[in-house]
C-alpha atoms as a PDB file:
ATOM      1  CA  UNK A   1       0.071 -16.131 -11.129  1.00  0.00           C
ATOM      2  CA  UNK A   2       1.247 -14.680  -7.839  1.00  0.00           C
ATOM      3  CA  UNK A   3      -0.874 -13.155  -5.085  1.00  0.00           C
ATOM      4  CA  UNK A   4       0.342  -9.814  -3.793  1.00  0.00           C
ATOM      5  CA  UNK A   5      -0.950  -7.228  -1.337  1.00  0.00           C
ATOM      6  CA  UNK A   6      -0.414  -3.551  -2.063  1.00  0.00           C
ATOM      7  CA  UNK A   7      -0.887  -0.682   0.351  1.00  0.00           C
ATOM      8  CA  UNK A   8      -2.334   2.403  -1.341  1.00  0.00           C
ATOM      9  CA  UNK A   9      -2.338   5.865   0.216  1.00  0.00           C
ATOM     10  CA  UNK A  10      -2.883   9.521  -0.656  1.00  0.00           C
ATOM     11  CA  UNK A  11      -2.992  12.796   1.268  1.00  0.00           C
ATOM     12  CA  UNK A  12      -2.947  15.401  -1.526  1.00  0.00           C
ATOM     13  CA  UNK A  13      -5.916  16.414  -3.696  1.00  0.00           C
ATOM     14  CA  UNK A  14      -8.978  14.192  -3.924  1.00  0.00           C
ATOM     15  CA  UNK A  15      -7.517  11.394  -1.852  1.00  0.00           C
ATOM     16  CA  UNK A  16     -10.264   8.806  -2.436  1.00  0.00           C
ATOM     17  CA  UNK A  17     -10.363   9.463  -6.183  1.00  0.00           C
ATOM     18  CA  UNK A  18      -6.554   9.176  -6.340  1.00  0.00           C
ATOM     19  CA  UNK A  19      -6.736   5.718  -4.751  1.00  0.00           C
ATOM     20  CA  UNK A  20      -9.589   4.608  -7.030  1.00  0.00           C
ATOM     21  CA  UNK A  21      -7.703   5.725 -10.144  1.00  0.00           C
ATOM     22  CA  UNK A  22      -4.547   3.932  -8.996  1.00  0.00           C
ATOM     23  CA  UNK A  23      -6.429   0.675  -8.478  1.00  0.00           C
ATOM     24  CA  UNK A  24      -7.659   0.956 -12.080  1.00  0.00           C
ATOM     25  CA  UNK A  25      -4.086   1.616 -13.268  1.00  0.00           C
ATOM     26  CA  UNK A  26      -2.782  -1.455 -11.426  1.00  0.00           C
ATOM     27  CA  UNK A  27      -5.462  -3.506 -13.178  1.00  0.00           C
ATOM     28  CA  UNK A  28      -3.507  -2.968 -16.410  1.00  0.00           C
ATOM     29  CA  UNK A  29      -1.012  -5.591 -15.175  1.00  0.00           C
ATOM     30  CA  UNK A  30      -2.768  -7.372 -12.296  1.00  0.00           C
ATOM     31  CA  UNK A  31      -6.221  -8.729 -11.480  1.00  0.00           C
ATOM     32  CA  UNK A  32      -7.976  -7.192  -8.471  1.00  0.00           C
ATOM     33  CA  UNK A  33      -9.213  -9.898  -6.104  1.00  0.00           C
ATOM     34  CA  UNK A  34     -10.287  -7.776  -3.119  1.00  0.00           C
ATOM     35  CA  UNK A  35      -9.909  -4.321  -1.650  1.00  0.00           C
ATOM     36  CA  UNK A  36     -10.375  -3.129   1.908  1.00  0.00           C
ATOM     37  CA  UNK A  37     -12.626  -0.343   3.047  1.00  0.00           C
ATOM     38  CA  UNK A  38     -11.390   3.229   2.877  1.00  0.00           C
ATOM     39  CA  UNK A  39      -9.567   4.417   6.006  1.00  0.00           C
ATOM     40  CA  UNK A  40      -8.618   7.937   7.021  1.00  0.00           C
ATOM     41  CA  UNK A  41      -5.315   7.754   8.851  1.00  0.00           C
ATOM     42  CA  UNK A  42      -3.055   9.983  10.870  1.00  0.00           C
ATOM     43  CA  UNK A  43       0.347  10.626   9.263  1.00  0.00           C
ATOM     44  CA  UNK A  44       3.386   8.795  10.623  1.00  0.00           C
ATOM     45  CA  UNK A  45       6.735  10.563  10.997  1.00  0.00           C
ATOM     46  CA  UNK A  46       6.163  14.070   9.663  1.00  0.00           C
ATOM     47  CA  UNK A  47       2.856  14.808  11.393  1.00  0.00           C
ATOM     48  CA  UNK A  48       2.539  18.361  10.023  1.00  0.00           C
ATOM     49  CA  UNK A  49       0.587  17.298   6.940  1.00  0.00           C
ATOM     50  CA  UNK A  50      -2.968  16.274   5.997  1.00  0.00           C
ATOM     51  CA  UNK A  51      -4.416  12.925   7.047  1.00  0.00           C
ATOM     52  CA  UNK A  52      -4.144  10.103   4.522  1.00  0.00           C
ATOM     53  CA  UNK A  53      -6.680   7.936   2.819  1.00  0.00           C
ATOM     54  CA  UNK A  54      -5.384   4.358   2.927  1.00  0.00           C
ATOM     55  CA  UNK A  55      -6.504   0.942   1.774  1.00  0.00           C
ATOM     56  CA  UNK A  56      -4.954  -2.406   0.961  1.00  0.00           C
ATOM     57  CA  UNK A  57      -5.749  -4.350  -2.194  1.00  0.00           C
ATOM     58  CA  UNK A  58      -5.123  -7.973  -3.102  1.00  0.00           C
ATOM     59  CA  UNK A  59      -4.051  -8.606  -6.677  1.00  0.00           C
ATOM     60  CA  UNK A  60      -2.803 -11.545  -8.701  1.00  0.00           C
ATOM     61  CA  UNK A  61      -0.153 -10.892 -11.314  1.00  0.00           C
ATOM     62  CA  UNK A  62       2.244 -12.582 -13.695  1.00  0.00           C
ATOM     63  CA  UNK A  63       4.864  -9.930 -12.929  1.00  0.00           C
ATOM     64  CA  UNK A  64       7.930 -10.758 -10.878  1.00  0.00           C
ATOM     65  CA  UNK A  65       8.346  -8.812  -7.613  1.00  0.00           C
ATOM     66  CA  UNK A  66      10.838  -6.452  -9.291  1.00  0.00           C
ATOM     67  CA  UNK A  67       8.577  -6.084 -12.321  1.00  0.00           C
ATOM     68  CA  UNK A  68       5.687  -5.232 -10.025  1.00  0.00           C
ATOM     69  CA  UNK A  69       7.814  -2.629  -8.233  1.00  0.00           C
ATOM     70  CA  UNK A  70       8.819  -0.982 -11.523  1.00  0.00           C
ATOM     71  CA  UNK A  71       5.196  -0.799 -12.665  1.00  0.00           C
ATOM     72  CA  UNK A  72       4.034   0.654  -9.323  1.00  0.00           C
ATOM     73  CA  UNK A  73       6.772   3.296  -9.414  1.00  0.00           C
ATOM     74  CA  UNK A  74       5.735   4.204 -12.963  1.00  0.00           C
ATOM     75  CA  UNK A  75       2.175   4.764 -11.704  1.00  0.00           C
ATOM     76  CA  UNK A  76       3.450   6.933  -8.835  1.00  0.00           C
ATOM     77  CA  UNK A  77       5.463   8.991 -11.339  1.00  0.00           C
ATOM     78  CA  UNK A  78       2.474   9.278 -13.694  1.00  0.00           C
ATOM     79  CA  UNK A  79       0.400  10.682 -10.822  1.00  0.00           C
ATOM     80  CA  UNK A  80       3.113  13.215  -9.992  1.00  0.00           C
ATOM     81  CA  UNK A  81       4.594  11.615  -6.887  1.00  0.00           C
ATOM     82  CA  UNK A  82       7.426  13.773  -5.529  1.00  0.00           C
ATOM     83  CA  UNK A  83      10.227  12.137  -3.557  1.00  0.00           C
ATOM     84  CA  UNK A  84      11.921  15.277  -2.257  1.00  0.00           C
ATOM     85  CA  UNK A  85      10.811  14.889   1.372  1.00  0.00           C
ATOM     86  CA  UNK A  86      11.017  11.564   3.214  1.00  0.00           C
ATOM     87  CA  UNK A  87       7.697  10.931   4.917  1.00  0.00           C
ATOM     88  CA  UNK A  88       6.201  14.062   3.383  1.00  0.00           C
ATOM     89  CA  UNK A  89       2.824  14.579   1.688  1.00  0.00           C
ATOM     90  CA  UNK A  90       2.142  12.281  -1.266  1.00  0.00           C
ATOM     91  CA  UNK A  91      -0.413  12.394  -4.038  1.00  0.00           C
ATOM     92  CA  UNK A  92      -0.042   8.631  -4.145  1.00  0.00           C
ATOM     93  CA  UNK A  93       2.028   6.081  -2.250  1.00  0.00           C
ATOM     94  CA  UNK A  94       2.192   2.427  -3.313  1.00  0.00           C
ATOM     95  CA  UNK A  95       3.956  -0.256  -1.290  1.00  0.00           C
ATOM     96  CA  UNK A  96       4.192  -3.988  -1.882  1.00  0.00           C
ATOM     97  CA  UNK A  97       3.352  -5.483   1.518  1.00  0.00           C
ATOM     98  CA  UNK A  98       3.476  -9.173   0.580  1.00  0.00           C
ATOM     99  CA  UNK A  99       4.202 -11.106  -2.604  1.00  0.00           C
ATOM    100  CA  UNK A 100       3.151 -14.705  -2.050  1.00  0.00           C
ATOM    101  CA  UNK A 101       5.248 -15.922   0.913  1.00  0.00           C
ATOM    102  CA  UNK A 102       8.444 -14.589  -0.640  1.00  0.00           C
ATOM    103  CA  UNK A 103      11.191 -12.943   1.390  1.00  0.00           C
ATOM    104  CA  UNK A 104      13.277 -10.548  -0.705  1.00  0.00           C
ATOM    105  CA  UNK A 105      15.922  -8.079   0.361  1.00  0.00           C
ATOM    106  CA  UNK A 106      18.010  -6.234  -2.189  1.00  0.00           C
ATOM    107  CA  UNK A 107      18.992  -2.642  -2.963  1.00  0.00           C
ATOM    108  CA  UNK A 108      15.666  -1.908  -4.671  1.00  0.00           C
ATOM    109  CA  UNK A 109      13.101  -4.004  -2.860  1.00  0.00           C
ATOM    110  CA  UNK A 110      12.312  -5.517   0.527  1.00  0.00           C
ATOM    111  CA  UNK A 111       9.406  -7.949   0.849  1.00  0.00           C
ATOM    112  CA  UNK A 112       7.624  -8.254   3.164  1.00  0.00           C
ATOM    113  CA  UNK A 113       7.540  -4.491   3.548  1.00  0.00           C
ATOM    114  CA  UNK A 114       9.964  -3.819   6.435  1.00  0.00           C
ATOM    115  CA  UNK A 115       7.604  -1.694   8.540  1.00  0.00           C
ATOM    116  CA  UNK A 116       4.175  -3.028   7.570  1.00  0.00           C
ATOM    117  CA  UNK A 117       3.884  -5.051  10.781  1.00  0.00           C
ATOM    118  CA  UNK A 118       4.436  -1.843  12.791  1.00  0.00           C
ATOM    119  CA  UNK A 119       1.831   0.321  11.068  1.00  0.00           C
ATOM    120  CA  UNK A 120      -1.837   0.392  12.007  1.00  0.00           C
ATOM    121  CA  UNK A 121      -2.699   2.098   8.690  1.00  0.00           C
ATOM    122  CA  UNK A 122      -1.468  -1.055   6.912  1.00  0.00           C
ATOM    123  CA  UNK A 123      -2.644  -3.751   9.329  1.00  0.00           C
ATOM    124  CA  UNK A 124      -6.232  -2.512   9.868  1.00  0.00           C
ATOM    125  CA  UNK A 125      -7.195  -2.638   6.170  1.00  0.00           C
ATOM    126  CA  UNK A 126      -5.106  -5.767   5.548  1.00  0.00           C
ATOM    127  CA  UNK A 127      -6.834  -7.507   8.455  1.00  0.00           C
ATOM    128  CA  UNK A 128     -10.171  -6.768   6.805  1.00  0.00           C
ATOM    129  CA  UNK A 129      -9.304  -8.749   3.661  1.00  0.00           C
ATOM    130  CA  UNK A 130      -6.641 -11.250   4.824  1.00  0.00           C
ATOM    131  CA  UNK A 131      -6.720 -11.688   8.588  1.00  0.00           C
ATOM    132  CA  UNK A 132      -5.226 -15.197   8.532  1.00  0.00           C
ATOM    133  CA  UNK A 133      -2.432 -14.330   6.098  1.00  0.00           C
ATOM    134  CA  UNK A 134       0.875 -15.358   7.639  1.00  0.00           C
ATOM    135  CA  UNK A 135       3.843 -12.968   7.727  1.00  0.00           C
ATOM    136  CA  UNK A 136       6.611 -15.100   6.167  1.00  0.00           C
ATOM    137  CA  UNK A 137       9.343 -13.780   8.484  1.00  0.00           C
ATOM    138  CA  UNK A 138       7.509 -13.204  11.769  1.00  0.00           C
ATOM    139  CA  UNK A 139       5.324 -16.320  11.381  1.00  0.00           C
ATOM    140  CA  UNK A 140       2.311 -14.477  12.828  1.00  0.00           C
ATOM    141  CA  UNK A 141      -1.034 -13.866  11.145  1.00  0.00           C
ATOM    142  CA  UNK A 142      -2.153 -10.370  10.241  1.00  0.00           C
ATOM    143  CA  UNK A 143      -4.786 -10.518  12.995  1.00  0.00           C
ATOM    144  CA  UNK A 144      -2.114 -11.514  15.546  1.00  0.00           C
ATOM    145  CA  UNK A 145       0.179  -8.704  14.403  1.00  0.00           C
ATOM    146  CA  UNK A 146      -2.695  -6.251  14.725  1.00  0.00           C
ATOM    147  CA  UNK A 147      -3.649  -7.423  18.219  1.00  0.00           C
ATOM    148  CA  UNK A 148      -0.009  -7.085  19.365  1.00  0.00           C
ATOM    149  CA  UNK A 149       0.464  -3.662  17.758  1.00  0.00           C
ATOM    150  CA  UNK A 150       1.568  -0.725  19.893  1.00  0.00           C
ATOM    151  CA  UNK A 151       0.971   1.929  17.166  1.00  0.00           C
ATOM    152  CA  UNK A 152      -1.756   4.216  18.487  1.00  0.00           C
ATOM    153  CA  UNK A 153      -2.091   6.459  15.430  1.00  0.00           C
ATOM    154  CA  UNK A 154      -5.669   7.231  14.418  1.00  0.00           C
ATOM    155  CA  UNK A 155      -7.054   4.869  11.772  1.00  0.00           C
ATOM    156  CA  UNK A 156     -10.765   5.324  11.077  1.00  0.00           C
ATOM    157  CA  UNK A 157     -12.872   3.371   8.578  1.00  0.00           C
ATOM    158  CA  UNK A 158     -14.853   5.946   6.603  1.00  0.00           C
ATOM    159  CA  UNK A 159     -16.516   3.929   3.859  1.00  0.00           C
ATOM    160  CA  UNK A 160     -16.181   1.624   0.918  1.00  0.00           C
ATOM    161  CA  UNK A 161     -15.071   2.166  -2.637  1.00  0.00           C
ATOM    162  CA  UNK A 162     -17.691   2.313  -5.372  1.00  0.00           C
ATOM    163  CA  UNK A 163     -19.155  -1.009  -6.444  1.00  0.00           C
ATOM    164  CA  UNK A 164     -17.145  -0.777  -9.660  1.00  0.00           C
ATOM    165  CA  UNK A 165     -13.971  -1.123  -7.536  1.00  0.00           C
ATOM    166  CA  UNK A 166     -15.129  -3.437  -4.742  1.00  0.00           C
ATOM    167  CA  UNK A 167     -15.095  -7.016  -5.913  1.00  0.00           C
END
């Protein structure tokens, strides 16, 4: 089984509930090992939209990286994710941040996620559950990447998921 880290975000509807439901959907093909606290985060890029709820979850799965991507995109589609505006509001957004220590770059998938190391809304929750995890390209730990980060977007811890989600 492979360890993977998935960034989960939502800024439409009941944002926390959306993230909780998605975690349960992912558990149909992966085992939840840990999940960060819930963070409310300022949008990046198109700033004229509601703040996001973000978290990062650690899963183990038998799926290949491409198989994982396909399953995550199916969940996004099931939840009504629209892809008509780059960086626009999203009912749900799922990104594979890391998959083991694999480095993958093809037309469909880039792992590690190409901008994860630049985004506070990814690094803050990831640091909470995997601070010593090493970025396989940059060779820096998550905590080192976070301490060197210049992103000053607002990222505020607002709580934890229900005990039925938190492992």
